Structures are given as C-alpha cells and as structure tokens.
Amino acid sequence: MPRVAALLDIPQISEIINVIDSETFERPIYAGNAIQTVKSLSNKKVITVRAPSFQAVGDQDSSPIENINSSENKKLSNTYQMN
C-alpha cells in the first residue's frame, strides 16, 4: 500500500480502528497505549484496516459482478483478464 500511496502522491493511513467520517479516522499508536485521530483532506484515501476492530458481516447472498467503464487516468492502472 505505501507504493500505491506514493504513486498517487497522497499519504497512507495505516491500521485504522474506527471511521469517524469520510475524512477522519482513529488508529492506535505507542503499541496500542494511545489512540491517534487522523484527518486526510485528499479526495482519494489509501488506508489499511486493523481487521479485529470491526465486526464480521457474516454470510450473505452473492452479489452480481458488473463490468463498468472507468473514467480514471488509465496510466495509473492496468487491467488483466484471467481465462
């Protein structure tokens, strides 16, 4: 993920444990002895999540897979198809 953040020229927010709003997150620091509130004003976010901090969703019906056309800059991504 750090490489993705660097290519997009935005900061990475690591190991979040709570989402306050679309720009504000909480993450542990000092070996989990303190909680830091982090705000990111960039339109795109690169975050990693500390999985045990969120409840599991459980079993759900499968969702349909839809192909969409991307209007994003094609230089930032590659598409590969597996046969």
Protein backbone atom coordinates (compact mmCIF):
# COMPACT_ATOMS: atom_id res chain seq x y z
CA MET A 1 0.00 0.00 0.00
CA PRO A 2 2.81 2.52 0.57
CA ARG A 3 3.72 2.23 -3.11
CA VAL A 4 0.12 2.92 -4.16
CA ALA A 5 0.03 5.98 -1.91
CA ALA A 6 3.34 7.20 -3.32
CA LEU A 7 2.18 6.77 -6.92
CA LEU A 8 -0.99 8.73 -6.14
CA ASP A 9 1.04 11.33 -4.18
CA ILE A 10 -1.19 11.03 -1.11
CA PRO A 11 -0.46 9.91 2.46
CA GLN A 12 -1.27 6.40 3.63
CA ILE A 13 -3.24 5.96 6.84
CA SER A 14 -2.31 2.64 8.45
CA GLU A 15 -4.14 0.28 10.81
CA ILE A 16 -7.33 2.28 11.34
CA ILE A 17 -9.63 1.02 14.08
CA ASN A 18 -12.51 3.48 13.65
CA VAL A 19 -14.01 5.63 10.89
CA ILE A 20 -15.37 8.89 12.29
CA ASP A 21 -16.35 10.44 8.95
CA SER A 22 -15.13 10.39 5.34
CA GLU A 23 -12.02 12.37 6.29
CA THR A 24 -11.32 11.36 9.90
CA PHE A 25 -10.01 8.05 11.24
CA GLU A 26 -8.64 6.67 14.50
CA ARG A 27 -5.56 4.49 14.77
CA PRO A 28 -3.52 3.08 17.66
CA ILE A 29 -0.06 4.44 18.45
CA TYR A 30 2.58 3.67 21.11
CA ALA A 31 1.95 -0.10 20.91
CA GLY A 32 -1.78 0.47 21.32
CA ASN A 33 -1.46 2.53 24.51
CA ALA A 34 -2.91 5.65 22.85
CA ILE A 35 -5.36 6.41 20.04
CA GLN A 36 -4.47 8.98 17.39
CA THR A 37 -7.14 10.84 15.39
CA VAL A 38 -6.01 11.39 11.79
CA LYS A 39 -7.67 13.65 9.23
CA SER A 40 -7.00 13.38 5.49
CA LEU A 41 -8.31 16.10 3.19
CA SER A 42 -7.31 14.41 -0.07
CA ASN A 43 -10.13 13.20 -2.34
CA LYS A 44 -8.60 9.72 -2.54
CA LYS A 45 -7.61 7.70 0.51
CA VAL A 46 -5.15 4.84 0.90
CA ILE A 47 -5.85 3.10 4.19
CA THR A 48 -5.17 -0.21 5.86
CA VAL A 49 -7.58 -1.60 8.42
CA ARG A 50 -6.93 -3.45 11.66
CA ALA A 51 -9.47 -6.21 10.97
CA PRO A 52 -10.29 -7.29 14.56
CA SER A 53 -11.56 -3.75 15.22
CA PHE A 54 -14.65 -4.28 13.06
CA GLN A 55 -17.42 -6.86 13.40
CA ALA A 56 -17.63 -9.60 10.79
CA VAL A 57 -20.52 -9.20 8.37
CA GLY A 58 -21.46 -12.87 8.28
CA ASP A 59 -22.83 -14.92 5.41
CA GLN A 60 -24.72 -13.06 2.70
CA ASP A 61 -26.16 -13.91 -0.68
CA SER A 62 -23.73 -13.49 -3.53
CA SER A 63 -23.70 -10.20 -5.39
CA PRO A 64 -23.71 -9.83 -9.16
CA ILE A 65 -20.46 -8.84 -10.84
CA GLU A 66 -20.83 -5.82 -13.08
CA ASN A 67 -18.35 -4.51 -15.64
CA ILE A 68 -18.02 -0.74 -15.64
CA ASN A 69 -16.04 1.69 -17.75
CA SER A 70 -13.54 3.71 -15.81
CA SER A 71 -13.09 7.39 -16.49
CA GLU A 72 -9.94 7.44 -14.37
CA ASN A 73 -6.50 8.11 -15.81
CA LYS A 74 -5.53 4.83 -17.49
CA LYS A 75 -1.83 5.42 -16.70
CA LEU A 76 -2.50 4.66 -13.01
CA SER A 77 -3.93 1.20 -13.52
CA ASN A 78 -3.69 -1.96 -15.59
CA THR A 79 -6.46 -4.43 -16.30
CA TYR A 80 -5.72 -8.13 -16.54
CA GLN A 81 -8.17 -10.84 -17.52
CA MET A 82 -7.80 -14.40 -16.30
CA ASN A 83 -9.12 -17.18 -18.50
